[in-house]
Amino acid sequence: MSDAQPITGLRRGDVPPHVFLCGDPARVDRIAKGWDERREPVQVREFRVVVGRSRGLPLAAASTGVGAPGTAILLEELVKVGAHTFLRVGNSGGLAPDLELGDLVVTTGAVRDDGTSRSYVAPEYPAVADHELVGALLAAARARGARCRAGITWSLDAFYVRNAVLRPDGSLATMSAGRYWGREHAERIEAMRSAGVLNCEMESGALLTLAGLFGVRAGCICVVSDRTPWPGPAELDLDRNMDAAIAVAHDAMRAVAGV
């Protein structure tokens, strides 16, 4: 029987213990820029994995695609082949009013508003980031002079129905097709803001929950790429400060790896 993982085909020894995760397959190259001895053992569906060395430290960068299901699949297979430390570098919407586009947010824990993590364990189980990774990320951001906050992230499944357009009069309108929306959707956004949740994205809930269940380390740093509720397309910048987030993530990964 083959020991290859069923989705990615990865085998033990194909990836090192320390792995960067991102949603966009194109960002894998950006994370792995400048690495030595680069190779690409996986490119299937939304999953790309690049392996190499940075200052002598073996590293991998891997894409999960958008959302929790792909994140869970890839994390399962990476853990099964020996990886144990995961750091997500992503985009997010800013919920806190004082966050600016390009700010960095380090997730300390996630609101598990996704179906995948609930398929694994009861919703009362916490999605908590590894404390060493959180500390290393914050220290690296301070050392680089990057604007960075740490706090709770809202991790959701339904991008369009959980988000909203902010009208000029301050009211909210649906972003969903067919103008579908319920009162509870607007109330959910306000509840998250009232609870002091900093940002929202679609992967950290599954990542941190499964890391806890599997006994591995995981953390998450995201750029604030837009605002929630959404003021409009002029307020979306997926690229702003991403290089800074990647640099901070590399510094933090080296710190927890002890190099």
C-alpha atoms as a PDB file:
ATOM      1  CA  MET A   1       0.000   0.000   0.000  1.00  0.00           C
ATOM      2  CA  SER A   2       1.346   3.456  -0.931  1.00  0.00           C
ATOM      3  CA  ASP A   3       2.179   5.816   1.925  1.00  0.00           C
ATOM      4  CA  ALA A   4       1.305   8.824  -0.231  1.00  0.00           C
ATOM      5  CA  GLN A   5      -1.403  11.115   1.084  1.00  0.00           C
ATOM      6  CA  PRO A   6      -4.595  10.774  -0.982  1.00  0.00           C
ATOM      7  CA  ILE A   7      -5.085  14.412  -2.017  1.00  0.00           C
ATOM      8  CA  THR A   8      -1.601  15.930  -2.245  1.00  0.00           C
ATOM      9  CA  GLY A   9       0.436  12.764  -2.753  1.00  0.00           C
ATOM     10  CA  LEU A  10       2.863  13.935  -0.066  1.00  0.00           C
ATOM     11  CA  ARG A  11       5.016  11.359   1.707  1.00  0.00           C
ATOM     12  CA  ARG A  12       6.953  11.544   4.947  1.00  0.00           C
ATOM     13  CA  GLY A  13      10.162  13.455   4.296  1.00  0.00           C
ATOM     14  CA  ASP A  14       8.674  15.599   1.513  1.00  0.00           C
ATOM     15  CA  VAL A  15       8.193  18.639   3.769  1.00  0.00           C
ATOM     16  CA  PRO A  16      10.145  19.990   6.759  1.00  0.00           C
ATOM     17  CA  PRO A  17       8.584  20.571  10.187  1.00  0.00           C
ATOM     18  CA  HIS A  18       8.070  24.337   9.723  1.00  0.00           C
ATOM     19  CA  VAL A  19       5.437  25.418   7.193  1.00  0.00           C
ATOM     20  CA  PHE A  20       4.011  28.751   6.084  1.00  0.00           C
ATOM     21  CA  LEU A  21       0.384  28.617   4.935  1.00  0.00           C
ATOM     22  CA  CYS A  22      -1.494  30.994   2.660  1.00  0.00           C
ATOM     23  CA  GLY A  23      -4.752  30.896   0.729  1.00  0.00           C
ATOM     24  CA  ASP A  24      -3.572  32.060  -2.683  1.00  0.00           C
ATOM     25  CA  PRO A  25      -1.351  29.592  -4.590  1.00  0.00           C
ATOM     26  CA  ALA A  26       0.430  32.556  -6.192  1.00  0.00           C
ATOM     27  CA  ARG A  27       1.552  33.781  -2.762  1.00  0.00           C
ATOM     28  CA  VAL A  28       3.599  30.612  -2.244  1.00  0.00           C
ATOM     29  CA  ASP A  29       6.293  31.985  -4.580  1.00  0.00           C
ATOM     30  CA  ARG A  30       6.242  35.298  -2.764  1.00  0.00           C
ATOM     31  CA  ILE A  31       6.766  33.636   0.609  1.00  0.00           C
ATOM     32  CA  ALA A  32       9.529  31.382  -0.761  1.00  0.00           C
ATOM     33  CA  LYS A  33      11.333  34.172  -2.628  1.00  0.00           C
ATOM     34  CA  GLY A  34      15.065  33.963  -2.041  1.00  0.00           C
ATOM     35  CA  TRP A  35      15.033  30.477  -0.547  1.00  0.00           C
ATOM     36  CA  ASP A  36      17.846  28.100  -1.465  1.00  0.00           C
ATOM     37  CA  GLU A  37      17.412  24.566  -2.821  1.00  0.00           C
ATOM     38  CA  ARG A  38      13.825  25.223  -3.871  1.00  0.00           C
ATOM     39  CA  ARG A  39      11.655  22.408  -5.148  1.00  0.00           C
ATOM     40  CA  GLU A  40       7.905  21.947  -5.628  1.00  0.00           C
ATOM     41  CA  PRO A  41       6.641  18.515  -4.594  1.00  0.00           C
ATOM     42  CA  VAL A  42       2.937  19.387  -4.946  1.00  0.00           C
ATOM     43  CA  GLN A  43       0.780  21.320  -7.398  1.00  0.00           C
ATOM     44  CA  VAL A  44      -2.730  19.866  -7.401  1.00  0.00           C
ATOM     45  CA  ARG A  45      -6.099  21.591  -7.191  1.00  0.00           C
ATOM     46  CA  GLU A  46      -5.690  24.629  -4.920  1.00  0.00           C
ATOM     47  CA  PHE A  47      -2.717  23.079  -3.155  1.00  0.00           C
ATOM     48  CA  ARG A  48       0.829  24.174  -3.981  1.00  0.00           C
ATOM     49  CA  VAL A  49       3.784  23.275  -1.800  1.00  0.00           C
ATOM     50  CA  VAL A  50       7.287  24.719  -2.240  1.00  0.00           C
ATOM     51  CA  VAL A  51      10.161  23.501  -0.092  1.00  0.00           C
ATOM     52  CA  GLY A  52      13.563  25.117   0.423  1.00  0.00           C
ATOM     53  CA  ARG A  53      15.954  26.667   2.916  1.00  0.00           C
ATOM     54  CA  SER A  54      16.140  30.169   4.339  1.00  0.00           C
ATOM     55  CA  ARG A  55      19.388  30.985   6.167  1.00  0.00           C
ATOM     56  CA  GLY A  56      19.906  27.261   6.577  1.00  0.00           C
ATOM     57  CA  LEU A  57      16.454  26.551   8.056  1.00  0.00           C
ATOM     58  CA  PRO A  58      14.370  24.026   6.073  1.00  0.00           C
ATOM     59  CA  LEU A  59      10.966  25.554   5.318  1.00  0.00           C
ATOM     60  CA  ALA A  60       7.856  24.921   3.263  1.00  0.00           C
ATOM     61  CA  ALA A  61       5.221  27.289   1.908  1.00  0.00           C
ATOM     62  CA  ALA A  62       1.839  25.802   1.065  1.00  0.00           C
ATOM     63  CA  SER A  63      -1.480  27.126  -0.236  1.00  0.00           C
ATOM     64  CA  THR A  64      -4.796  26.032   1.251  1.00  0.00           C
ATOM     65  CA  GLY A  65      -7.163  27.740  -1.164  1.00  0.00           C
ATOM     66  CA  VAL A  66     -10.027  29.826   0.202  1.00  0.00           C
ATOM     67  CA  GLY A  67     -11.733  28.720   3.371  1.00  0.00           C
ATOM     68  CA  ALA A  68     -11.781  26.092   6.069  1.00  0.00           C
ATOM     69  CA  PRO A  69     -12.328  22.807   4.153  1.00  0.00           C
ATOM     70  CA  GLY A  70      -9.147  23.098   2.075  1.00  0.00           C
ATOM     71  CA  THR A  71      -7.229  24.291   5.116  1.00  0.00           C
ATOM     72  CA  ALA A  72      -8.281  21.205   7.062  1.00  0.00           C
ATOM     73  CA  ILE A  73      -7.401  18.823   4.222  1.00  0.00           C
ATOM     74  CA  LEU A  74      -3.942  20.276   3.769  1.00  0.00           C
ATOM     75  CA  LEU A  75      -3.244  20.495   7.503  1.00  0.00           C
ATOM     76  CA  GLU A  76      -4.261  16.853   7.972  1.00  0.00           C
ATOM     77  CA  GLU A  77      -1.867  15.689   5.279  1.00  0.00           C
ATOM     78  CA  LEU A  78       1.008  17.928   6.322  1.00  0.00           C
ATOM     79  CA  VAL A  79       0.775  16.740   9.925  1.00  0.00           C
ATOM     80  CA  LYS A  80       0.631  13.116   8.799  1.00  0.00           C
ATOM     81  CA  VAL A  81       3.932  13.518   6.914  1.00  0.00           C
ATOM     82  CA  GLY A  82       5.720  15.153   9.843  1.00  0.00           C
ATOM     83  CA  ALA A  83       5.124  18.928   9.846  1.00  0.00           C
ATOM     84  CA  HIS A  84       4.460  20.411  13.298  1.00  0.00           C
ATOM     85  CA  THR A  85       4.685  24.226  13.187  1.00  0.00           C
ATOM     86  CA  PHE A  86       2.328  26.246  10.961  1.00  0.00           C
ATOM     87  CA  LEU A  87       2.132  29.975  10.367  1.00  0.00           C
ATOM     88  CA  ARG A  88      -0.616  31.409   8.178  1.00  0.00           C
ATOM     89  CA  VAL A  89       0.082  34.635   6.267  1.00  0.00           C
ATOM     90  CA  GLY A  90      -3.162  36.010   4.881  1.00  0.00           C
ATOM     91  CA  ASN A  91      -5.550  38.830   4.065  1.00  0.00           C
ATOM     92  CA  SER A  92      -8.384  39.917   6.312  1.00  0.00           C
ATOM     93  CA  GLY A  93     -11.139  42.465   6.739  1.00  0.00           C
ATOM     94  CA  GLY A  94     -10.741  44.982   9.526  1.00  0.00           C
ATOM     95  CA  LEU A  95     -13.596  45.105  12.035  1.00  0.00           C
ATOM     96  CA  ALA A  96     -12.028  47.378  14.647  1.00  0.00           C
ATOM     97  CA  PRO A  97     -12.691  51.006  13.617  1.00  0.00           C
ATOM     98  CA  ASP A  98      -9.134  52.125  14.362  1.00  0.00           C
ATOM     99  CA  LEU A  99      -7.474  49.560  12.074  1.00  0.00           C
ATOM    100  CA  GLU A 100      -6.055  50.971   8.854  1.00  0.00           C
ATOM    101  CA  LEU A 101      -5.475  49.285   5.515  1.00  0.00           C
ATOM    102  CA  GLY A 102      -2.061  47.632   5.643  1.00  0.00           C
ATOM    103  CA  ASP A 103      -2.066  47.112   9.410  1.00  0.00           C
ATOM    104  CA  LEU A 104      -1.054  43.667  10.615  1.00  0.00           C
ATOM    105  CA  VAL A 105      -3.193  41.584  12.952  1.00  0.00           C
ATOM    106  CA  VAL A 106      -1.828  38.641  14.927  1.00  0.00           C
ATOM    107  CA  THR A 107      -4.593  36.230  15.889  1.00  0.00           C
ATOM    108  CA  THR A 108      -4.610  35.165  19.531  1.00  0.00           C
ATOM    109  CA  GLY A 109      -7.791  33.141  19.129  1.00  0.00           C
ATOM    110  CA  ALA A 110     -10.628  32.765  16.646  1.00  0.00           C
ATOM    111  CA  VAL A 111     -14.405  32.894  16.738  1.00  0.00           C
ATOM    112  CA  ARG A 112     -15.259  29.567  15.111  1.00  0.00           C
ATOM    113  CA  ASP A 113     -18.015  30.628  12.700  1.00  0.00           C
ATOM    114  CA  ASP A 114     -17.179  27.825  10.253  1.00  0.00           C
ATOM    115  CA  GLY A 115     -18.627  24.410   9.605  1.00  0.00           C
ATOM    116  CA  THR A 116     -15.380  22.494   9.206  1.00  0.00           C
ATOM    117  CA  SER A 117     -14.047  22.894  12.738  1.00  0.00           C
ATOM    118  CA  ARG A 118     -17.485  21.974  14.110  1.00  0.00           C
ATOM    119  CA  SER A 119     -17.271  18.744  12.130  1.00  0.00           C
ATOM    120  CA  TYR A 120     -14.260  17.866  14.298  1.00  0.00           C
ATOM    121  CA  VAL A 121     -15.222  19.018  17.778  1.00  0.00           C
ATOM    122  CA  ALA A 122     -17.910  20.856  19.750  1.00  0.00           C
ATOM    123  CA  PRO A 123     -18.059  24.651  19.283  1.00  0.00           C
ATOM    124  CA  GLU A 124     -17.072  25.170  22.926  1.00  0.00           C
ATOM    125  CA  TYR A 125     -13.565  23.867  22.106  1.00  0.00           C
ATOM    126  CA  PRO A 126     -11.331  26.943  21.755  1.00  0.00           C
ATOM    127  CA  ALA A 127      -9.392  27.913  18.652  1.00  0.00           C
ATOM    128  CA  VAL A 128      -6.242  29.292  20.272  1.00  0.00           C
ATOM    129  CA  ALA A 129      -2.957  30.290  18.644  1.00  0.00           C
ATOM    130  CA  ASP A 130       0.333  28.937  19.965  1.00  0.00           C
ATOM    131  CA  HIS A 131       1.604  31.429  22.538  1.00  0.00           C
ATOM    132  CA  GLU A 132       5.228  31.207  21.377  1.00  0.00           C
ATOM    133  CA  LEU A 133       4.235  32.023  17.804  1.00  0.00           C
ATOM    134  CA  VAL A 134       2.071  34.937  18.970  1.00  0.00           C
ATOM    135  CA  GLY A 135       4.936  36.346  21.023  1.00  0.00           C
ATOM    136  CA  ALA A 136       7.447  35.842  18.231  1.00  0.00           C
ATOM    137  CA  LEU A 137       5.184  37.553  15.692  1.00  0.00           C
ATOM    138  CA  LEU A 138       4.628  40.569  17.931  1.00  0.00           C
ATOM    139  CA  ALA A 139       8.330  40.855  18.721  1.00  0.00           C
ATOM    140  CA  ALA A 140       9.222  40.647  15.033  1.00  0.00           C
ATOM    141  CA  ALA A 141       6.642  43.284  14.119  1.00  0.00           C
ATOM    142  CA  ARG A 142       7.979  45.647  16.801  1.00  0.00           C
ATOM    143  CA  ALA A 143      11.549  45.101  15.633  1.00  0.00           C
ATOM    144  CA  ARG A 144      10.557  46.008  12.079  1.00  0.00           C
ATOM    145  CA  GLY A 145       8.453  48.994  13.126  1.00  0.00           C
ATOM    146  CA  ALA A 146       5.289  47.535  11.603  1.00  0.00           C
ATOM    147  CA  ARG A 147       1.840  48.630  12.783  1.00  0.00           C
ATOM    148  CA  CYS A 148       0.523  45.470  14.426  1.00  0.00           C
ATOM    149  CA  ARG A 149      -2.259  44.465  16.813  1.00  0.00           C
ATOM    150  CA  ALA A 150      -3.008  41.175  18.533  1.00  0.00           C
ATOM    151  CA  GLY A 151      -6.489  39.910  19.316  1.00  0.00           C
ATOM    152  CA  ILE A 152      -9.489  37.838  18.346  1.00  0.00           C
ATOM    153  CA  THR A 153     -10.279  37.009  14.715  1.00  0.00           C
ATOM    154  CA  TRP A 154     -13.741  36.177  13.358  1.00  0.00           C
ATOM    155  CA  SER A 155     -13.249  33.103  11.169  1.00  0.00           C
ATOM    156  CA  LEU A 156     -16.212  32.559   8.874  1.00  0.00           C
ATOM    157  CA  ASP A 157     -17.373  30.478   5.926  1.00  0.00           C
ATOM    158  CA  ALA A 158     -19.797  32.614   3.908  1.00  0.00           C
ATOM    159  CA  PHE A 159     -17.810  35.575   2.565  1.00  0.00           C
ATOM    160  CA  TYR A 160     -20.699  37.389   0.885  1.00  0.00           C
ATOM    161  CA  VAL A 161     -23.540  36.845   3.323  1.00  0.00           C
ATOM    162  CA  ARG A 162     -21.409  37.444   6.427  1.00  0.00           C
ATOM    163  CA  ASN A 163     -20.088  40.703   4.964  1.00  0.00           C
ATOM    164  CA  ALA A 164     -22.054  43.828   4.065  1.00  0.00           C
ATOM    165  CA  VAL A 165     -21.812  47.027   2.049  1.00  0.00           C
ATOM    166  CA  LEU A 166     -21.684  50.194   4.109  1.00  0.00           C
ATOM    167  CA  ARG A 167     -24.101  52.761   2.623  1.00  0.00           C
ATOM    168  CA  PRO A 168     -23.321  56.505   2.781  1.00  0.00           C
ATOM    169  CA  ASP A 169     -26.006  56.926   5.474  1.00  0.00           C
ATOM    170  CA  GLY A 170     -24.281  54.339   7.671  1.00  0.00           C
ATOM    171  CA  SER A 171     -26.779  51.543   7.099  1.00  0.00           C
ATOM    172  CA  LEU A 172     -25.793  48.089   5.847  1.00  0.00           C
ATOM    173  CA  ALA A 173     -26.766  46.350   2.614  1.00  0.00           C
ATOM    174  CA  THR A 174     -26.215  42.795   1.479  1.00  0.00           C
ATOM    175  CA  MET A 175     -23.321  41.717  -0.742  1.00  0.00           C
ATOM    176  CA  SER A 176     -25.074  38.441  -1.558  1.00  0.00           C
ATOM    177  CA  ALA A 177     -26.652  37.518  -4.904  1.00  0.00           C
ATOM    178  CA  GLY A 178     -30.380  38.044  -5.196  1.00  0.00           C
ATOM    179  CA  ARG A 179     -30.185  40.566  -2.363  1.00  0.00           C
ATOM    180  CA  TYR A 180     -30.518  37.677   0.089  1.00  0.00           C
ATOM    181  CA  TRP A 181     -29.936  38.740   3.674  1.00  0.00           C
ATOM    182  CA  GLY A 182     -31.547  38.369   7.052  1.00  0.00           C
ATOM    183  CA  ARG A 183     -31.632  40.618  10.085  1.00  0.00           C
ATOM    184  CA  GLU A 184     -29.362  38.161  11.885  1.00  0.00           C
ATOM    185  CA  HIS A 185     -26.564  38.798   9.380  1.00  0.00           C
ATOM    186  CA  ALA A 186     -26.389  42.519  10.169  1.00  0.00           C
ATOM    187  CA  GLU A 187     -26.689  41.752  13.872  1.00  0.00           C
ATOM    188  CA  ARG A 188     -23.792  39.293  13.624  1.00  0.00           C
ATOM    189  CA  ILE A 189     -21.439  41.967  12.266  1.00  0.00           C
ATOM    190  CA  GLU A 190     -22.415  44.386  15.006  1.00  0.00           C
ATOM    191  CA  ALA A 191     -22.042  41.668  17.638  1.00  0.00           C
ATOM    192  CA  MET A 192     -18.496  40.913  16.519  1.00  0.00           C
ATOM    193  CA  ARG A 193     -17.530  44.581  16.606  1.00  0.00           C
ATOM    194  CA  SER A 194     -19.151  45.065  20.015  1.00  0.00           C
ATOM    195  CA  ALA A 195     -17.196  42.080  21.322  1.00  0.00           C
ATOM    196  CA  GLY A 196     -13.918  43.722  20.322  1.00  0.00           C
ATOM    197  CA  VAL A 197     -13.111  41.290  17.520  1.00  0.00           C
ATOM    198  CA  LEU A 198     -10.332  42.826  15.420  1.00  0.00           C
ATOM    199  CA  ASN A 199     -10.639  41.282  11.973  1.00  0.00           C
ATOM    200  CA  CYS A 200     -12.300  38.571   9.916  1.00  0.00           C
ATOM    201  CA  GLU A 201     -11.056  35.921   7.500  1.00  0.00           C
ATOM    202  CA  MET A 202     -11.868  32.342   6.540  1.00  0.00           C
ATOM    203  CA  GLU A 203      -9.131  29.966   7.676  1.00  0.00           C
ATOM    204  CA  SER A 204      -7.877  30.601  11.217  1.00  0.00           C
ATOM    205  CA  GLY A 205     -10.773  28.889  12.989  1.00  0.00           C
ATOM    206  CA  ALA A 206     -10.119  25.552  11.317  1.00  0.00           C
ATOM    207  CA  LEU A 207      -6.331  25.944  11.476  1.00  0.00           C
ATOM    208  CA  LEU A 208      -6.157  26.710  15.201  1.00  0.00           C
ATOM    209  CA  THR A 209      -8.814  24.184  16.187  1.00  0.00           C
ATOM    210  CA  LEU A 210      -7.175  21.327  14.325  1.00  0.00           C
ATOM    211  CA  ALA A 211      -3.720  22.313  15.561  1.00  0.00           C
ATOM    212  CA  GLY A 212      -5.014  22.005  19.104  1.00  0.00           C
ATOM    213  CA  LEU A 213      -6.582  18.630  18.402  1.00  0.00           C
ATOM    214  CA  PHE A 214      -3.464  17.313  16.660  1.00  0.00           C
ATOM    215  CA  GLY A 215      -0.972  18.640  19.222  1.00  0.00           C
ATOM    216  CA  VAL A 216       0.929  20.875  16.795  1.00  0.00           C
ATOM    217  CA  ARG A 217       1.722  24.602  16.826  1.00  0.00           C
ATOM    218  CA  ALA A 218      -0.130  27.152  14.699  1.00  0.00           C
ATOM    219  CA  GLY A 219      -0.388  30.897  14.404  1.00  0.00           C
ATOM    220  CA  CYS A 220      -1.814  33.487  12.047  1.00  0.00           C
ATOM    221  CA  ILE A 221      -0.793  36.946  10.872  1.00  0.00           C
ATOM    222  CA  CYS A 222      -2.997  38.842   8.427  1.00  0.00           C
ATOM    223  CA  VAL A 223      -2.856  42.130   6.611  1.00  0.00           C
ATOM    224  CA  VAL A 224      -5.932  44.332   6.879  1.00  0.00           C
ATOM    225  CA  SER A 225      -6.787  44.409   3.176  1.00  0.00           C
ATOM    226  CA  ASP A 226     -10.303  45.880   3.399  1.00  0.00           C
ATOM    227  CA  ARG A 227     -12.891  46.868   5.964  1.00  0.00           C
ATOM    228  CA  THR A 228     -15.912  45.044   7.300  1.00  0.00           C
ATOM    229  CA  PRO A 229     -18.551  46.335   6.581  1.00  0.00           C
ATOM    230  CA  TRP A 230     -17.222  47.042   3.082  1.00  0.00           C
ATOM    231  CA  PRO A 231     -17.057  50.702   1.948  1.00  0.00           C
ATOM    232  CA  GLY A 232     -16.517  49.628  -1.687  1.00  0.00           C
ATOM    233  CA  PRO A 233     -13.884  48.415  -4.157  1.00  0.00           C
ATOM    234  CA  ALA A 234     -11.678  51.482  -3.676  1.00  0.00           C
ATOM    235  CA  GLU A 235     -11.071  50.253  -0.125  1.00  0.00           C
ATOM    236  CA  LEU A 236      -9.714  46.841  -1.153  1.00  0.00           C
ATOM    237  CA  ASP A 237      -5.955  46.346  -1.384  1.00  0.00           C
ATOM    238  CA  LEU A 238      -4.836  42.714  -1.182  1.00  0.00           C
ATOM    239  CA  ASP A 239      -1.206  43.664  -1.743  1.00  0.00           C
ATOM    240  CA  ARG A 240      -0.626  46.501   0.701  1.00  0.00           C
ATOM    241  CA  ASN A 241       2.010  45.594   3.286  1.00  0.00           C
ATOM    242  CA  MET A 242       1.988  41.891   2.376  1.00  0.00           C
ATOM    243  CA  ASP A 243       5.772  41.938   2.054  1.00  0.00           C
ATOM    244  CA  ALA A 244       5.981  43.233   5.622  1.00  0.00           C
ATOM    245  CA  ALA A 245       3.692  40.449   6.859  1.00  0.00           C
ATOM    246  CA  ILE A 246       5.838  37.849   5.099  1.00  0.00           C
ATOM    247  CA  ALA A 247       9.037  39.325   6.555  1.00  0.00           C
ATOM    248  CA  VAL A 248       7.572  39.357  10.075  1.00  0.00           C
ATOM    249  CA  ALA A 249       6.406  35.762   9.613  1.00  0.00           C
ATOM    250  CA  HIS A 250       9.902  34.651   8.563  1.00  0.00           C
ATOM    251  CA  ASP A 251      11.474  36.353  11.590  1.00  0.00           C
ATOM    252  CA  ALA A 252       8.945  34.697  13.899  1.00  0.00           C
ATOM    253  CA  MET A 253       9.395  31.255  12.366  1.00  0.00           C
ATOM    254  CA  ARG A 254      13.168  31.465  12.764  1.00  0.00           C
ATOM    255  CA  ALA A 255      12.722  32.548  16.388  1.00  0.00           C
ATOM    256  CA  VAL A 256      10.508  29.608  17.340  1.00  0.00           C
ATOM    257  CA  ALA A 257      12.794  27.252  15.411  1.00  0.00           C
ATOM    258  CA  GLY A 258      15.717  28.524  17.490  1.00  0.00           C
ATOM    259  CA  VAL A 259      17.879  29.738  14.606  1.00  0.00           C
END
